[in-house]
Amino acid sequence: MFLKNVKNYLQEKDYNINFYKNALYINNYQKIEQIADTNVVILFDSFLLNIKGSHITVDKMLDKEILFNGFFESVTFHYK
């Protein structure tokens, strides 16, 4: 069962966007277009994700996974 879960995680093609208190976790994105203190733009297969706020920082970053901290005001999706 454990190996099956690991295999599913490694082969996962879907994206995840998770909000926590003053944190935002994203995985399986295509490209980070922009990172600034007040704005982040991330490209996915079929849309752009635009995040606005203040004091936005990158807390952790791995391959196609990123964790932001900050105060988030809005998140908008711009479909292609």
N, C-alpha and C. Protein backbone atom coordinates (compact mmCIF):
# COMPACT_ATOMS: atom_id res chain seq x y z
N MET A 1 0.82 -1.19 0.00
CA MET A 1 0.00 0.00 0.00
C MET A 1 0.87 1.26 0.00
N PHE A 2 1.93 1.28 0.81
CA PHE A 2 2.82 2.44 0.89
C PHE A 2 3.45 2.73 -0.46
N LEU A 3 3.96 1.69 -1.13
CA LEU A 3 4.59 1.89 -2.44
C LEU A 3 3.61 2.41 -3.47
N LYS A 4 2.37 1.95 -3.40
CA LYS A 4 1.34 2.44 -4.31
C LYS A 4 1.10 3.94 -4.10
N ASN A 5 1.04 4.38 -2.84
CA ASN A 5 0.84 5.80 -2.54
C ASN A 5 2.01 6.64 -3.03
N VAL A 6 3.22 6.16 -2.85
CA VAL A 6 4.41 6.88 -3.32
C VAL A 6 4.39 6.97 -4.84
N LYS A 7 4.07 5.88 -5.52
CA LYS A 7 4.00 5.88 -6.98
C LYS A 7 2.95 6.86 -7.48
N ASN A 8 1.79 6.88 -6.85
CA ASN A 8 0.73 7.82 -7.24
C ASN A 8 1.19 9.27 -7.04
N TYR A 9 1.89 9.54 -5.95
CA TYR A 9 2.38 10.89 -5.69
C TYR A 9 3.40 11.31 -6.74
N LEU A 10 4.31 10.44 -7.08
CA LEU A 10 5.36 10.78 -8.03
C LEU A 10 4.83 10.94 -9.45
N GLN A 11 3.78 10.23 -9.80
CA GLN A 11 3.24 10.29 -11.15
C GLN A 11 2.05 11.23 -11.27
N GLU A 12 1.71 11.91 -10.21
CA GLU A 12 0.53 12.78 -10.21
C GLU A 12 0.70 13.90 -11.23
N LYS A 13 -0.30 14.08 -12.06
CA LYS A 13 -0.29 15.12 -13.08
C LYS A 13 -1.17 16.30 -12.71
N ASP A 14 -2.12 16.09 -11.79
CA ASP A 14 -3.02 17.15 -11.38
C ASP A 14 -2.28 18.14 -10.49
N TYR A 15 -2.80 19.34 -10.45
CA TYR A 15 -2.23 20.36 -9.58
C TYR A 15 -3.00 20.41 -8.27
N ASN A 16 -2.37 21.00 -7.26
CA ASN A 16 -3.01 21.25 -5.98
C ASN A 16 -2.71 22.67 -5.57
N ILE A 17 -3.73 23.35 -5.05
CA ILE A 17 -3.58 24.69 -4.50
C ILE A 17 -4.25 24.64 -3.13
N ASN A 18 -3.46 24.77 -2.07
CA ASN A 18 -3.98 24.65 -0.71
C ASN A 18 -3.68 25.92 0.07
N PHE A 19 -4.72 26.45 0.71
CA PHE A 19 -4.58 27.63 1.56
C PHE A 19 -4.54 27.20 3.01
N TYR A 20 -3.66 27.82 3.75
CA TYR A 20 -3.57 27.67 5.19
C TYR A 20 -3.52 29.08 5.77
N LYS A 21 -3.48 29.20 7.06
CA LYS A 21 -3.39 30.52 7.67
C LYS A 21 -2.07 31.17 7.26
N ASN A 22 -2.16 32.24 6.49
CA ASN A 22 -1.00 33.00 5.99
C ASN A 22 -0.02 32.15 5.19
N ALA A 23 -0.51 31.08 4.57
CA ALA A 23 0.35 30.23 3.74
C ALA A 23 -0.43 29.72 2.55
N LEU A 24 0.29 29.48 1.47
CA LEU A 24 -0.30 28.97 0.23
C LEU A 24 0.66 27.94 -0.35
N TYR A 25 0.17 26.70 -0.52
CA TYR A 25 0.98 25.61 -1.07
C TYR A 25 0.46 25.28 -2.47
N ILE A 26 1.37 25.18 -3.43
CA ILE A 26 1.01 24.87 -4.81
C ILE A 26 1.95 23.79 -5.32
N ASN A 27 1.40 22.80 -6.02
CA ASN A 27 2.28 21.83 -6.68
C ASN A 27 1.78 21.50 -8.08
N ASN A 28 2.70 21.00 -8.87
CA ASN A 28 2.48 20.62 -10.27
C ASN A 28 2.11 21.79 -11.16
N TYR A 29 2.74 22.92 -10.95
CA TYR A 29 2.58 24.06 -11.85
C TYR A 29 3.58 23.93 -12.99
N GLN A 30 3.39 24.71 -14.04
CA GLN A 30 4.29 24.66 -15.19
C GLN A 30 5.48 25.60 -15.03
N LYS A 31 5.19 26.86 -14.64
CA LYS A 31 6.24 27.86 -14.59
C LYS A 31 5.83 29.00 -13.67
N ILE A 32 6.80 29.56 -12.98
CA ILE A 32 6.55 30.76 -12.19
C ILE A 32 6.87 31.95 -13.08
N GLU A 33 5.87 32.74 -13.39
CA GLU A 33 6.03 33.90 -14.27
C GLU A 33 6.58 35.10 -13.52
N GLN A 34 6.12 35.31 -12.28
CA GLN A 34 6.52 36.49 -11.52
C GLN A 34 6.40 36.21 -10.03
N ILE A 35 7.39 36.66 -9.27
CA ILE A 35 7.32 36.64 -7.80
C ILE A 35 7.74 38.01 -7.31
N ALA A 36 6.87 38.64 -6.55
CA ALA A 36 7.16 39.94 -5.94
C ALA A 36 6.53 39.96 -4.55
N ASP A 37 6.84 40.95 -3.79
CA ASP A 37 6.32 41.11 -2.44
C ASP A 37 4.80 41.22 -2.40
N THR A 38 4.22 41.73 -3.48
CA THR A 38 2.77 41.96 -3.50
C THR A 38 2.02 41.18 -4.58
N ASN A 39 2.74 40.46 -5.44
CA ASN A 39 2.08 39.78 -6.56
C ASN A 39 2.88 38.55 -6.99
N VAL A 40 2.16 37.48 -7.26
CA VAL A 40 2.77 36.24 -7.77
C VAL A 40 1.91 35.77 -8.94
N VAL A 41 2.56 35.38 -10.04
CA VAL A 41 1.84 34.84 -11.19
C VAL A 41 2.46 33.48 -11.52
N ILE A 42 1.60 32.45 -11.57
CA ILE A 42 2.06 31.09 -11.83
C ILE A 42 1.28 30.52 -13.01
N LEU A 43 1.99 29.89 -13.92
CA LEU A 43 1.41 29.31 -15.13
C LEU A 43 1.13 27.82 -14.90
N PHE A 44 -0.10 27.42 -15.24
CA PHE A 44 -0.50 26.01 -15.25
C PHE A 44 -0.82 25.63 -16.70
N ASP A 45 -1.18 24.38 -16.94
CA ASP A 45 -1.49 23.93 -18.30
C ASP A 45 -2.59 24.75 -18.96
N SER A 46 -3.65 25.05 -18.23
CA SER A 46 -4.81 25.68 -18.87
C SER A 46 -5.17 27.05 -18.31
N PHE A 47 -4.38 27.58 -17.38
CA PHE A 47 -4.70 28.88 -16.82
C PHE A 47 -3.48 29.52 -16.15
N LEU A 48 -3.61 30.82 -15.88
CA LEU A 48 -2.64 31.55 -15.07
C LEU A 48 -3.28 31.80 -13.71
N LEU A 49 -2.51 31.67 -12.66
CA LEU A 49 -2.96 31.95 -11.31
C LEU A 49 -2.29 33.24 -10.87
N ASN A 50 -3.09 34.24 -10.51
CA ASN A 50 -2.57 35.53 -10.08
C ASN A 50 -2.91 35.72 -8.60
N ILE A 51 -1.87 35.87 -7.77
CA ILE A 51 -2.03 35.99 -6.33
C ILE A 51 -1.60 37.39 -5.93
N LYS A 52 -2.47 38.11 -5.23
CA LYS A 52 -2.15 39.46 -4.76
C LYS A 52 -2.23 39.48 -3.25
N GLY A 53 -1.33 40.27 -2.65
CA GLY A 53 -1.30 40.39 -1.20
C GLY A 53 -0.17 41.29 -0.77
N SER A 54 0.35 41.02 0.41
CA SER A 54 1.48 41.80 0.92
C SER A 54 2.41 40.88 1.70
N HIS A 55 3.66 41.27 1.73
CA HIS A 55 4.70 40.52 2.45
C HIS A 55 4.76 39.06 2.00
N ILE A 56 4.58 38.81 0.71
CA ILE A 56 4.61 37.45 0.17
C ILE A 56 6.07 37.01 0.03
N THR A 57 6.39 35.87 0.61
CA THR A 57 7.73 35.31 0.52
C THR A 57 7.65 33.83 0.19
N VAL A 58 8.72 33.29 -0.36
CA VAL A 58 8.81 31.86 -0.62
C VAL A 58 9.42 31.21 0.61
N ASP A 59 8.67 30.29 1.21
CA ASP A 59 9.15 29.61 2.41
C ASP A 59 9.93 28.35 2.04
N LYS A 60 9.38 27.56 1.12
CA LYS A 60 10.04 26.33 0.66
C LYS A 60 9.77 26.16 -0.81
N MET A 61 10.75 25.59 -1.50
CA MET A 61 10.59 25.38 -2.95
C MET A 61 11.32 24.10 -3.34
N LEU A 62 10.58 23.20 -3.97
CA LEU A 62 11.12 21.98 -4.54
C LEU A 62 10.72 21.93 -6.01
N ASP A 63 11.03 20.87 -6.68
CA ASP A 63 10.67 20.73 -8.09
C ASP A 63 9.15 20.71 -8.24
N LYS A 64 8.60 21.77 -8.85
CA LYS A 64 7.16 21.93 -9.11
C LYS A 64 6.31 21.99 -7.85
N GLU A 65 6.93 22.31 -6.71
CA GLU A 65 6.22 22.53 -5.46
C GLU A 65 6.74 23.82 -4.84
N ILE A 66 5.82 24.62 -4.29
CA ILE A 66 6.23 25.87 -3.67
C ILE A 66 5.28 26.22 -2.54
N LEU A 67 5.85 26.78 -1.48
CA LEU A 67 5.07 27.21 -0.33
C LEU A 67 5.34 28.69 -0.11
N PHE A 68 4.28 29.48 -0.18
CA PHE A 68 4.37 30.93 0.05
C PHE A 68 3.84 31.26 1.44
N ASN A 69 4.44 32.26 2.07
CA ASN A 69 3.91 32.85 3.29
C ASN A 69 3.58 34.30 2.99
N GLY A 70 2.62 34.86 3.72
CA GLY A 70 2.27 36.26 3.54
C GLY A 70 0.82 36.50 3.86
N PHE A 71 0.37 37.68 3.49
CA PHE A 71 -1.03 38.07 3.68
C PHE A 71 -1.66 38.14 2.29
N PHE A 72 -2.59 37.23 2.01
CA PHE A 72 -3.17 37.10 0.69
C PHE A 72 -4.51 37.83 0.63
N GLU A 73 -4.65 38.68 -0.38
CA GLU A 73 -5.87 39.47 -0.57
C GLU A 73 -6.78 38.88 -1.62
N SER A 74 -6.20 38.38 -2.72
CA SER A 74 -7.04 37.80 -3.78
C SER A 74 -6.25 36.77 -4.58
N VAL A 75 -6.99 35.82 -5.11
CA VAL A 75 -6.44 34.81 -6.00
C VAL A 75 -7.39 34.73 -7.19
N THR A 76 -6.88 34.96 -8.40
CA THR A 76 -7.73 34.90 -9.58
C THR A 76 -7.15 33.94 -10.59
N PHE A 77 -8.06 33.32 -11.34
CA PHE A 77 -7.70 32.38 -12.39
C PHE A 77 -7.97 33.06 -13.72
N HIS A 78 -7.03 33.01 -14.62
CA HIS A 78 -7.19 33.56 -15.98
C HIS A 78 -7.01 32.39 -16.95
N TYR A 79 -8.13 31.90 -17.47
CA TYR A 79 -8.10 30.73 -18.33
C TYR A 79 -7.62 31.10 -19.73
N LYS A 80 -6.88 30.18 -20.32
CA LYS A 80 -6.33 30.39 -21.68
C LYS A 80 -7.41 30.15 -22.72
